[in-house]
Amino acid sequence: MTKRNLIPGRTTRRAFLSGTTAALGLGMTGFASAQSGLDGLLGARGRGNWDDQFDTRGSSAREVSSLNPIFSQQTLYSTQAAMQTYNQIVAQGGWPTVPARYVLKLGEVTPDVEVLRQRLAISGDLSPQASRSPAFDTYVEAAVKRFQARHGLPADGVVGEHAYKALNVPADLRLFQLQTNAARLQNQLQEQLPYRYVMVNIPAAAIEAVENGQIVQRHTAVVGKVDRQTPILTSKITNLNLNPYWHAPASIVRKDIIPLVRQDPTYLQRNGIHIFNGNGQEVPPQSIDWSSDEAVSYLFRQNPGPNSAMASVKINFPNEHAVYMHDTPQKGLFSELMRFESSGCVRVQNVRDLIVWLARDEPNWNRQAIERVISARSREDIDLANPVPVYFTYVTGWATDPNVVQFRDDIYHRDGAEQLAMSELTTTAYADGQQNPYAQGDGF
C-alpha cells in the first residue's frame, strides 16, 4: 500500500476556512446524494459547454489565461453566465466535500480520488467522460492544475492544504461571490473605459495594463496588509520618478522605523536613511530620544540605491491616500502565495516593462534611455503629457470566459461572507468593530 503524506495542521499565513463540510451540509452522507445527481447535473441543458475532451490538454492551467481584461463587457457577460451555471450547481446540491486527509498527487490510489474527480467534474475542471477511478492519473493532475490556476494557487497538480480549502468552499458561497462581484463590475462599467489604462486588482495582487480592450501586460503585485489596506481609487498616472528618494510617512516612522532603530542603532546608516528637521538641516540619529515618539516630527529620507524601499522606480498619481506604485528590492515577495505585505502602496514586478509602456509617447524616453538613467543612479523625472488612467479595484470572483471562473481570497472582508476571507489574518482584523485605516503613502 502506498505510504501517503498526511495534511499538516495550520502552519502558514494562508490558513483557509475550516468547517466547510458543515456549511455545505455534505459529509459522506451528502456525498451519496451529490453522486446520484451528478450525471443529471453534468448533462443538464443550458449548463454550459465545458471542455469534454478526455485529454490532459483539455483541462490545463494554460486555458485559464485570457487577454480579456477584468474591466470589460465580455467579462461582465461571462460572469453573469457563470452565475447561471453556479445557480444550477447549487440547485442540484452543490459538490461533494473532498476529505482532506492526505496530500494527493500523481500515482496515488485511494477512494478520496473518486470524490476529487466528481468535485472537479462539477466545477468543469475535469471532463464528465472521465472515469470514477480511485487512481490519481494525468487527467486528474491536469484538472487539479486548472483548478489551482483558477483560484490563484501554484498550479503544481498536487492537492495539499491550500487546494483542499479552496475545493471545499461551498458552491452556494461561490455563487454569492460571483453575484457580489458582478455587481461591482456592472457599477464600474457604467462609464466608458479609456483606450489605455492600468488596473490593480487588490485581492488578486495583480496588475493589468490594458490597451484597446486587451491586456498587453500583466504584473504580479504586492499590496497592503490587512491592517494597512491598499485603498480603492481612480486616478491618472502623471509622473514617473527614476531612482527616487523615499520619504517615510509618520505612520511608518512610528510603526516600523522607531522599533527597528531601538533594536539596531545602525539600521538608519545601513539603509541610507537621513533625518532632517523643519529647516532642512540634517539631524544626527543619536540626538533623538528613540524611547519616545520624538522621531515622528522629523523628515526621514532614504537615498536612491539598491537598498532603497523604492528601488529604481516610483509611479505617481494624485490621490487622497498618498499611495503610489513602485519597484522594490525585495523581489522574493513576488513569488509568495500571499502577497499582502505592504503598508498600502503597490509594489510591481518587472516594473520597468510597465514604465516603458507608460512613457512610450514621451520624446527621448525609450527603453534604452530609461535603463541608462537607472544604471547611473541619477535622479530623473518623466512627466506624462498624456496621463494614463489607473484603477485600484477589489474583484474576488469573475469570468473572462463563462467556463473559466476565477476566485481569489476576500482578504479585506468586503464580500460579506466570513468564510470567503480565507487568510487567518482576516479572522481578527476587525475584532474591535473598527474599520482599518488606509496606509498613508509608504514605500514598504
Protein backbone atom coordinates (compact mmCIF):
# COMPACT_ATOMS: atom_id res chain seq x y z
CA MET A 1 0.00 0.00 0.00
CA THR A 2 1.33 3.43 -0.91
CA LYS A 3 2.55 5.48 2.03
CA ARG A 4 0.76 8.83 1.90
CA ASN A 5 1.68 12.21 3.28
CA LEU A 6 -0.80 13.48 5.84
CA ILE A 7 -2.14 17.01 5.59
CA PRO A 8 -0.34 19.11 8.21
CA GLY A 9 -2.06 21.49 10.60
CA ARG A 10 -2.26 25.24 10.04
CA THR A 11 1.37 26.14 9.52
CA THR A 12 1.17 29.09 7.15
CA ARG A 13 -0.42 32.51 7.00
CA ARG A 14 -2.77 31.22 4.36
CA ALA A 15 -4.86 29.26 6.84
CA PHE A 16 -8.03 28.75 4.92
CA LEU A 17 -11.51 28.46 6.33
CA SER A 18 -12.37 25.42 8.40
CA GLY A 19 -15.64 23.64 8.85
CA THR A 20 -16.81 23.95 5.26
CA THR A 21 -18.22 20.45 5.39
CA ALA A 22 -20.76 21.58 7.95
CA ALA A 23 -21.52 24.74 5.96
CA LEU A 24 -22.20 22.73 2.82
CA GLY A 25 -24.09 20.03 4.68
CA LEU A 26 -22.46 17.32 2.59
CA GLY A 27 -20.44 14.92 4.71
CA MET A 28 -20.14 11.45 3.31
CA THR A 29 -23.94 11.18 3.60
CA GLY A 30 -24.35 14.23 1.41
CA PHE A 31 -21.76 12.84 -0.98
CA ALA A 32 -24.02 9.91 -1.83
CA SER A 33 -26.78 12.37 -2.70
CA ALA A 34 -24.41 14.50 -4.77
CA GLN A 35 -23.17 11.43 -6.60
CA SER A 36 -26.67 10.37 -7.55
CA GLY A 37 -27.37 13.77 -9.08
CA LEU A 38 -24.03 14.16 -10.80
CA ASP A 39 -25.00 12.68 -14.13
CA GLY A 40 -28.10 14.82 -14.33
CA LEU A 41 -26.14 17.94 -13.45
CA LEU A 42 -23.40 17.35 -15.99
CA GLY A 43 -25.91 16.61 -18.72
CA ALA A 44 -28.37 19.37 -17.91
CA ARG A 45 -29.48 21.59 -20.78
CA GLY A 46 -28.14 25.13 -20.76
CA ARG A 47 -25.46 24.18 -18.27
CA GLY A 48 -22.61 25.49 -20.38
CA ASN A 49 -20.20 23.79 -22.75
CA TRP A 50 -17.31 22.74 -20.58
CA ASP A 51 -14.46 21.10 -22.38
CA ASP A 52 -15.16 17.39 -22.62
CA GLN A 53 -12.02 16.33 -24.42
CA PHE A 54 -10.67 13.44 -22.36
CA ASP A 55 -7.13 14.61 -22.78
CA THR A 56 -4.55 16.12 -20.49
CA ARG A 57 -4.55 19.11 -22.81
CA GLY A 58 -8.30 19.52 -22.38
CA SER A 59 -8.10 20.53 -18.73
CA SER A 60 -4.98 22.52 -18.08
CA ALA A 61 -3.74 25.66 -16.41
CA ARG A 62 -2.95 27.15 -19.83
CA GLU A 63 -6.58 27.57 -20.83
CA VAL A 64 -7.30 29.71 -17.75
CA SER A 65 -5.33 32.68 -19.08
CA SER A 66 -7.10 35.29 -21.21
CA LEU A 67 -6.36 38.61 -22.87
CA ASN A 68 -9.79 39.90 -21.86
CA PRO A 69 -9.39 42.46 -19.07
CA ILE A 70 -11.41 42.21 -15.88
CA PHE A 71 -12.90 45.61 -16.70
CA SER A 72 -14.77 44.67 -19.87
CA GLN A 73 -18.30 43.94 -21.03
CA GLN A 74 -17.12 40.47 -22.06
CA THR A 75 -16.02 39.72 -18.50
CA LEU A 76 -19.31 41.01 -17.11
CA TYR A 77 -21.32 38.85 -19.55
CA SER A 78 -19.15 35.82 -18.82
CA THR A 79 -19.50 36.33 -15.07
CA GLN A 80 -23.27 36.56 -15.40
CA ALA A 81 -23.29 33.37 -17.48
CA ALA A 82 -21.14 31.66 -14.86
CA MET A 83 -23.67 32.72 -12.23
CA GLN A 84 -26.35 30.79 -14.10
CA THR A 85 -24.16 27.70 -14.13
CA TYR A 86 -23.41 28.00 -10.41
CA ASN A 87 -27.11 28.54 -9.73
CA GLN A 88 -27.72 25.19 -11.34
CA ILE A 89 -24.90 23.55 -9.37
CA VAL A 90 -26.37 24.83 -6.12
CA ALA A 91 -29.88 23.72 -7.09
CA GLN A 92 -28.52 20.21 -7.70
CA GLY A 93 -26.98 20.03 -4.23
CA GLY A 94 -23.57 21.58 -4.80
CA TRP A 95 -20.41 19.50 -4.90
CA PRO A 96 -19.04 16.86 -2.52
CA THR A 97 -16.55 17.73 0.20
CA VAL A 98 -13.18 16.17 -0.61
CA PRO A 99 -11.72 14.51 2.51
CA ALA A 100 -8.60 16.45 3.46
CA ARG A 101 -6.62 13.54 4.85
CA TYR A 102 -3.67 13.07 2.53
CA VAL A 103 -1.55 15.00 0.10
CA LEU A 104 -2.82 13.68 -3.23
CA LYS A 105 -0.60 13.63 -6.28
CA LEU A 106 0.16 11.70 -9.43
CA GLY A 107 0.26 7.97 -8.80
CA GLU A 108 -1.85 7.89 -5.64
CA VAL A 109 -4.66 5.34 -5.46
CA THR A 110 -7.35 5.98 -2.85
CA PRO A 111 -11.15 6.30 -2.73
CA ASP A 112 -10.59 10.00 -1.96
CA VAL A 113 -9.56 10.47 -5.60
CA GLU A 114 -13.03 9.34 -6.70
CA VAL A 115 -14.53 12.16 -4.65
CA LEU A 116 -11.94 14.58 -6.05
CA ARG A 117 -12.85 13.55 -9.59
CA GLN A 118 -16.52 14.29 -9.01
CA ARG A 119 -15.74 17.63 -7.37
CA LEU A 120 -13.58 18.66 -10.33
CA ALA A 121 -16.12 17.43 -12.86
CA ILE A 122 -18.92 19.50 -11.33
CA SER A 123 -16.83 22.69 -11.47
CA GLY A 124 -15.81 21.97 -15.07
CA ASP A 125 -12.14 21.24 -14.44
CA LEU A 126 -12.33 17.54 -15.32
CA SER A 127 -14.14 16.03 -18.29
CA PRO A 128 -17.52 14.45 -17.49
CA GLN A 129 -16.27 11.49 -19.53
CA ALA A 130 -13.51 10.80 -17.03
CA SER A 131 -13.91 7.56 -15.12
CA ARG A 132 -14.61 7.31 -11.40
CA SER A 133 -11.33 5.52 -10.84
CA PRO A 134 -9.56 5.88 -7.48
CA ALA A 135 -6.28 6.47 -9.35
CA PHE A 136 -4.75 9.96 -9.47
CA ASP A 137 -3.71 9.86 -13.12
CA THR A 138 -2.50 12.51 -15.57
CA TYR A 139 -6.07 13.59 -16.32
CA VAL A 140 -6.75 14.32 -12.67
CA GLU A 141 -3.41 16.09 -12.39
CA ALA A 142 -4.24 18.35 -15.35
CA ALA A 143 -7.66 19.09 -13.86
CA VAL A 144 -6.12 19.97 -10.49
CA LYS A 145 -3.70 22.34 -12.22
CA ARG A 146 -6.59 24.05 -13.97
CA PHE A 147 -8.48 24.37 -10.69
CA GLN A 148 -5.42 25.78 -8.94
CA ALA A 149 -4.82 28.33 -11.68
CA ARG A 150 -8.44 29.49 -11.44
CA HIS A 151 -8.01 30.08 -7.71
CA GLY A 152 -4.68 31.88 -7.82
CA LEU A 153 -2.77 28.90 -6.41
CA PRO A 154 0.52 27.49 -7.73
CA ALA A 155 -0.53 25.11 -10.50
CA ASP A 156 1.61 22.17 -9.40
CA GLY A 157 -1.08 19.50 -9.69
CA VAL A 158 -0.67 18.45 -6.04
CA VAL A 159 -3.68 18.57 -3.71
CA GLY A 160 -2.43 19.87 -0.38
CA GLU A 161 -3.75 22.16 2.32
CA HIS A 162 -4.39 25.20 0.13
CA ALA A 163 -6.09 23.24 -2.65
CA TYR A 164 -8.30 21.34 -0.20
CA LYS A 165 -9.55 24.50 1.42
CA ALA A 166 -10.36 26.07 -1.95
CA LEU A 167 -12.01 22.86 -3.17
CA ASN A 168 -14.24 22.71 -0.12
CA VAL A 169 -15.68 26.21 -0.20
CA PRO A 170 -19.41 25.52 -0.62
CA ALA A 171 -20.95 26.09 -4.03
CA ASP A 172 -23.55 28.48 -2.65
CA LEU A 173 -20.80 30.73 -1.29
CA ARG A 174 -19.06 30.71 -4.66
CA LEU A 175 -22.35 31.72 -6.28
CA PHE A 176 -22.73 34.52 -3.74
CA GLN A 177 -19.17 35.64 -4.50
CA LEU A 178 -19.92 35.84 -8.22
CA GLN A 179 -23.12 37.80 -7.60
CA THR A 180 -21.28 40.28 -5.38
CA ASN A 181 -18.51 40.86 -7.89
CA ALA A 182 -20.79 41.03 -10.92
CA ALA A 183 -22.44 43.99 -9.21
CA ARG A 184 -19.04 45.61 -8.75
CA LEU A 185 -18.18 45.12 -12.41
CA GLN A 186 -21.54 46.43 -13.55
CA ASN A 187 -21.07 49.56 -11.48
CA GLN A 188 -17.57 50.12 -12.88
CA LEU A 189 -18.71 49.64 -16.47
CA GLN A 190 -21.41 52.29 -16.28
CA GLU A 191 -18.75 54.70 -17.53
CA GLN A 192 -16.84 54.18 -20.74
CA LEU A 193 -13.34 52.89 -20.19
CA PRO A 194 -10.36 54.74 -21.69
CA TYR A 195 -8.28 53.41 -24.56
CA ARG A 196 -5.27 52.82 -22.27
CA TYR A 197 -5.33 52.22 -18.53
CA VAL A 198 -3.75 50.34 -15.65
CA MET A 199 -5.86 48.23 -13.29
CA VAL A 200 -4.69 46.91 -9.91
CA ASN A 201 -6.87 44.08 -8.59
CA ILE A 202 -6.13 44.12 -4.88
CA PRO A 203 -7.32 40.64 -3.74
CA ALA A 204 -5.55 39.03 -6.70
CA ALA A 205 -2.40 41.11 -6.02
CA ALA A 206 -2.16 41.51 -9.78
CA ILE A 207 -1.96 44.31 -12.35
CA GLU A 208 -3.30 44.59 -15.89
CA ALA A 209 -2.05 47.14 -18.42
CA VAL A 210 -4.87 47.42 -20.95
CA GLU A 211 -4.91 48.92 -24.42
CA ASN A 212 -7.72 48.88 -26.97
CA GLY A 213 -9.74 46.43 -24.89
CA GLN A 214 -6.98 43.85 -24.45
CA ILE A 215 -4.39 43.10 -21.80
CA VAL A 216 -0.95 43.97 -23.14
CA GLN A 217 0.98 43.43 -19.91
CA ARG A 218 0.40 41.52 -16.67
CA HIS A 219 2.32 42.17 -13.50
CA THR A 220 2.40 40.39 -10.17
CA ALA A 221 1.95 42.84 -7.30
CA VAL A 222 2.41 43.12 -3.56
CA VAL A 223 -0.40 45.05 -1.89
CA GLY A 224 -1.38 46.24 1.57
CA LYS A 225 -1.57 44.18 4.72
CA VAL A 226 -4.96 43.61 6.31
CA ASP A 227 -4.30 46.36 8.87
CA ARG A 228 -2.72 48.71 6.29
CA GLN A 229 -5.03 48.26 3.34
CA THR A 230 -4.46 49.37 -0.22
CA PRO A 231 -7.40 51.70 -0.97
CA ILE A 232 -9.86 51.50 -3.83
CA LEU A 233 -9.34 54.55 -6.04
CA THR A 234 -9.47 56.04 -9.52
CA SER A 235 -6.81 58.46 -10.71
CA LYS A 236 -4.37 59.17 -13.57
CA ILE A 237 -0.67 58.37 -13.69
CA THR A 238 1.04 61.71 -14.25
CA ASN A 239 4.67 61.26 -13.34
CA LEU A 240 7.44 58.66 -13.12
CA ASN A 241 10.45 59.01 -10.82
CA LEU A 242 13.66 57.22 -11.77
CA ASN A 243 15.96 56.48 -8.83
CA PRO A 244 13.60 58.27 -6.44
CA TYR A 245 14.18 59.31 -2.87
CA TRP A 246 11.88 57.69 -0.36
CA HIS A 247 10.27 59.89 2.28
CA ALA A 248 8.87 57.86 5.16
CA PRO A 249 5.41 58.97 6.30
CA ALA A 250 4.76 59.46 10.01
CA SER A 251 2.84 56.18 10.20
CA ILE A 252 5.88 54.21 9.01
CA VAL A 253 8.25 56.13 11.29
CA ARG A 254 6.05 55.32 14.26
CA LYS A 255 5.13 51.72 13.44
CA ASP A 256 8.32 50.49 11.80
CA ILE A 257 11.38 52.72 11.92
CA ILE A 258 11.36 53.61 15.62
CA PRO A 259 11.08 49.95 16.73
CA LEU A 260 13.81 48.95 14.25
CA VAL A 261 16.21 51.64 15.50
CA ARG A 262 15.55 50.58 19.09
CA GLN A 263 16.62 47.07 18.17
CA ASP A 264 19.53 48.10 15.92
CA PRO A 265 21.06 51.60 16.26
CA THR A 266 22.90 51.08 12.93
CA TYR A 267 19.67 50.50 10.98
CA LEU A 268 19.43 54.03 9.52
CA GLN A 269 23.06 54.17 8.44
CA ARG A 270 22.97 50.71 6.87
CA ASN A 271 19.88 51.61 4.85
CA GLY A 272 20.98 55.08 3.72
CA ILE A 273 18.24 56.89 5.66
CA HIS A 274 18.86 60.51 6.71
CA ILE A 275 16.86 62.62 9.15
CA PHE A 276 16.02 66.32 8.59
CA ASN A 277 14.31 68.94 10.71
CA GLY A 278 11.80 71.51 9.50
CA ASN A 279 14.61 73.82 8.35
CA GLY A 280 16.13 71.20 6.09
CA GLN A 281 19.08 70.60 8.42
CA GLU A 282 20.25 67.03 8.93
CA VAL A 283 19.71 65.68 12.43
CA PRO A 284 22.13 63.12 13.94
CA PRO A 285 20.23 59.95 14.97
CA GLN A 286 21.99 59.89 18.35
CA SER A 287 20.44 63.26 19.25
CA ILE A 288 16.91 61.78 19.12
CA ASP A 289 15.15 60.13 22.05
CA TRP A 290 14.17 56.81 20.47
CA SER A 291 12.29 55.71 23.58
CA SER A 292 9.64 58.30 22.71
CA ASP A 293 7.77 59.39 19.57
CA GLU A 294 10.08 62.38 19.06
CA ALA A 295 11.32 60.99 15.74
CA VAL A 296 7.84 61.32 14.20
CA SER A 297 8.29 65.10 14.00
CA TYR A 298 11.28 64.78 11.62
CA LEU A 299 11.58 64.01 7.91
CA PHE A 300 13.15 60.63 7.09
CA ARG A 301 14.62 60.40 3.60
CA GLN A 302 16.23 57.37 2.03
CA ASN A 303 18.71 57.92 -0.77
CA PRO A 304 18.35 56.13 -4.11
CA GLY A 305 20.23 52.88 -4.24
CA PRO A 306 19.96 49.10 -4.17
CA ASN A 307 18.56 49.09 -0.63
CA SER A 308 16.03 51.85 -1.20
CA ALA A 309 12.40 50.97 -0.48
CA MET A 310 11.59 52.46 -3.91
CA ALA A 311 14.42 50.60 -5.65
CA SER A 312 14.57 52.07 -9.18
CA VAL A 313 11.10 53.46 -9.96
CA LYS A 314 8.14 55.25 -8.42
CA ILE A 315 4.84 55.72 -10.30
CA ASN A 316 2.81 58.74 -9.16
CA PHE A 317 -0.90 59.56 -9.43
CA PRO A 318 -2.86 62.09 -7.36
CA ASN A 319 -4.96 60.54 -4.58
CA GLU A 320 -6.10 61.43 -1.09
CA HIS A 321 -4.42 58.37 0.42
CA ALA A 322 -0.91 59.37 -0.76
CA VAL A 323 -0.25 55.89 -2.13
CA TYR A 324 1.69 55.05 -5.26
CA MET A 325 3.19 52.15 -7.21
CA HIS A 326 6.87 51.34 -7.11
CA ASP A 327 9.74 48.95 -7.55
CA THR A 328 11.15 47.05 -4.57
CA PRO A 329 14.47 45.49 -3.58
CA GLN A 330 12.54 42.57 -2.04
CA LYS A 331 11.97 40.66 -5.27
CA GLY A 332 11.35 37.39 -3.43
CA LEU A 333 7.95 38.62 -2.23
CA PHE A 334 6.57 38.31 -5.76
CA SER A 335 6.88 34.53 -5.55
CA GLU A 336 4.88 34.33 -2.32
CA LEU A 337 1.37 32.90 -2.34
CA MET A 338 0.04 35.60 -0.02
CA ARG A 339 1.31 38.92 -1.37
CA PHE A 340 -0.31 41.20 1.21
CA GLU A 341 2.86 42.62 2.73
CA SER A 342 2.99 46.35 2.04
CA SER A 343 1.75 49.28 4.09
CA GLY A 344 -0.72 50.35 1.42
CA CYS A 345 1.34 51.13 -1.67
CA VAL A 346 1.65 48.67 -4.56
CA ARG A 347 4.94 47.02 -5.47
CA VAL A 348 5.19 45.96 -9.11
CA GLN A 349 7.12 43.03 -10.50
CA ASN A 350 9.00 43.81 -13.73
CA VAL A 351 8.09 47.44 -13.19
CA ARG A 352 10.47 48.67 -15.89
CA ASP A 353 8.33 47.00 -18.56
CA LEU A 354 5.36 48.93 -17.23
CA ILE A 355 7.07 52.32 -17.16
CA VAL A 356 8.39 51.86 -20.69
CA TRP A 357 4.78 51.31 -21.79
CA LEU A 358 3.59 54.31 -19.77
CA ALA A 359 6.29 56.62 -21.16
CA ARG A 360 6.29 55.42 -24.75
CA ASP A 361 4.87 58.69 -26.13
CA GLU A 362 7.40 60.87 -24.33
CA PRO A 363 10.24 62.10 -26.58
CA ASN A 364 13.68 60.70 -25.73
CA TRP A 365 12.34 58.23 -23.17
CA ASN A 366 12.67 54.83 -24.80
CA ARG A 367 13.79 51.65 -23.03
CA GLN A 368 17.46 52.35 -23.55
CA ALA A 369 17.25 55.88 -22.13
CA ILE A 370 15.35 54.71 -19.06
CA GLU A 371 17.78 51.85 -18.37
CA ARG A 372 20.73 54.20 -18.81
CA VAL A 373 19.43 56.62 -16.16
CA ILE A 374 18.58 53.83 -13.72
CA SER A 375 22.02 52.27 -14.13
CA ALA A 376 23.71 55.63 -13.49
CA ARG A 377 21.61 56.05 -10.29
CA SER A 378 20.89 59.64 -11.24
CA ARG A 379 17.60 61.28 -10.28
CA GLU A 380 15.30 61.92 -13.22
CA ASP A 381 11.56 62.56 -13.57
CA ILE A 382 9.34 61.77 -16.53
CA ASP A 383 6.17 63.86 -16.74
CA LEU A 384 3.50 62.24 -18.89
CA ALA A 385 1.95 64.62 -21.41
CA ASN A 386 -0.96 62.19 -21.68
CA PRO A 387 -1.68 60.86 -18.17
CA VAL A 388 -2.75 57.22 -18.09
CA PRO A 389 -5.85 56.34 -16.02
CA VAL A 390 -5.29 53.95 -13.12
CA TYR A 391 -7.88 51.98 -11.17
CA PHE A 392 -7.37 50.23 -7.84
CA THR A 393 -10.27 47.78 -7.58
CA TYR A 394 -11.45 44.85 -5.49
CA VAL A 395 -12.69 41.87 -7.51
CA THR A 396 -12.57 38.38 -5.95
CA GLY A 397 -14.71 36.46 -8.43
CA TRP A 398 -15.02 36.87 -12.20
CA ALA A 399 -15.02 35.01 -15.51
CA THR A 400 -13.30 36.16 -18.68
CA ASP A 401 -14.96 33.15 -20.29
CA PRO A 402 -18.20 31.56 -18.99
CA ASN A 403 -16.35 28.29 -18.47
CA VAL A 404 -13.27 29.74 -16.77
CA VAL A 405 -14.33 31.15 -13.41
CA GLN A 406 -11.69 32.83 -11.26
CA PHE A 407 -11.80 33.16 -7.47
CA ARG A 408 -9.49 34.90 -5.00
CA ASP A 409 -9.48 35.28 -1.23
CA ASP A 410 -11.59 38.08 0.20
CA ILE A 411 -8.55 39.30 2.08
CA TYR A 412 -10.14 42.55 3.34
CA HIS A 413 -13.57 41.11 4.27
CA ARG A 414 -15.51 43.02 1.63
CA ASP A 415 -17.64 40.28 0.11
CA GLY A 416 -19.94 39.96 3.11
CA ALA A 417 -19.34 36.26 3.85
CA GLU A 418 -16.79 35.50 6.53
CA GLN A 419 -15.87 32.14 5.02
CA LEU A 420 -14.59 33.78 1.83
CA ALA A 421 -11.84 35.58 3.74
CA MET A 422 -9.58 32.60 3.94
CA SER A 423 -6.36 34.03 5.36
CA GLU A 424 -6.04 33.63 9.11
CA LEU A 425 -5.03 37.28 9.41
CA THR A 426 -8.52 38.32 8.41
CA THR A 427 -10.22 36.47 11.24
CA THR A 428 -9.17 39.04 13.84
CA ALA A 429 -8.59 42.13 11.74
CA TYR A 430 -11.91 43.71 12.65
CA ALA A 431 -12.43 42.22 16.09
CA ASP A 432 -12.88 45.67 17.59
CA GLY A 433 -15.54 46.58 15.04
CA GLN A 434 -13.43 49.44 13.68
CA GLN A 435 -12.63 49.98 10.04
CA ASN A 436 -8.93 49.64 9.36
CA PRO A 437 -7.37 52.91 8.20
CA TYR A 438 -5.67 53.08 4.85
CA ALA A 439 -1.93 53.43 4.95
CA GLN A 440 -0.65 56.89 4.23
CA GLY A 441 1.89 56.67 1.45
CA ASP A 442 4.67 54.26 2.30
CA GLY A 443 7.37 52.53 0.35
CA PHE A 444 7.21 49.25 2.21
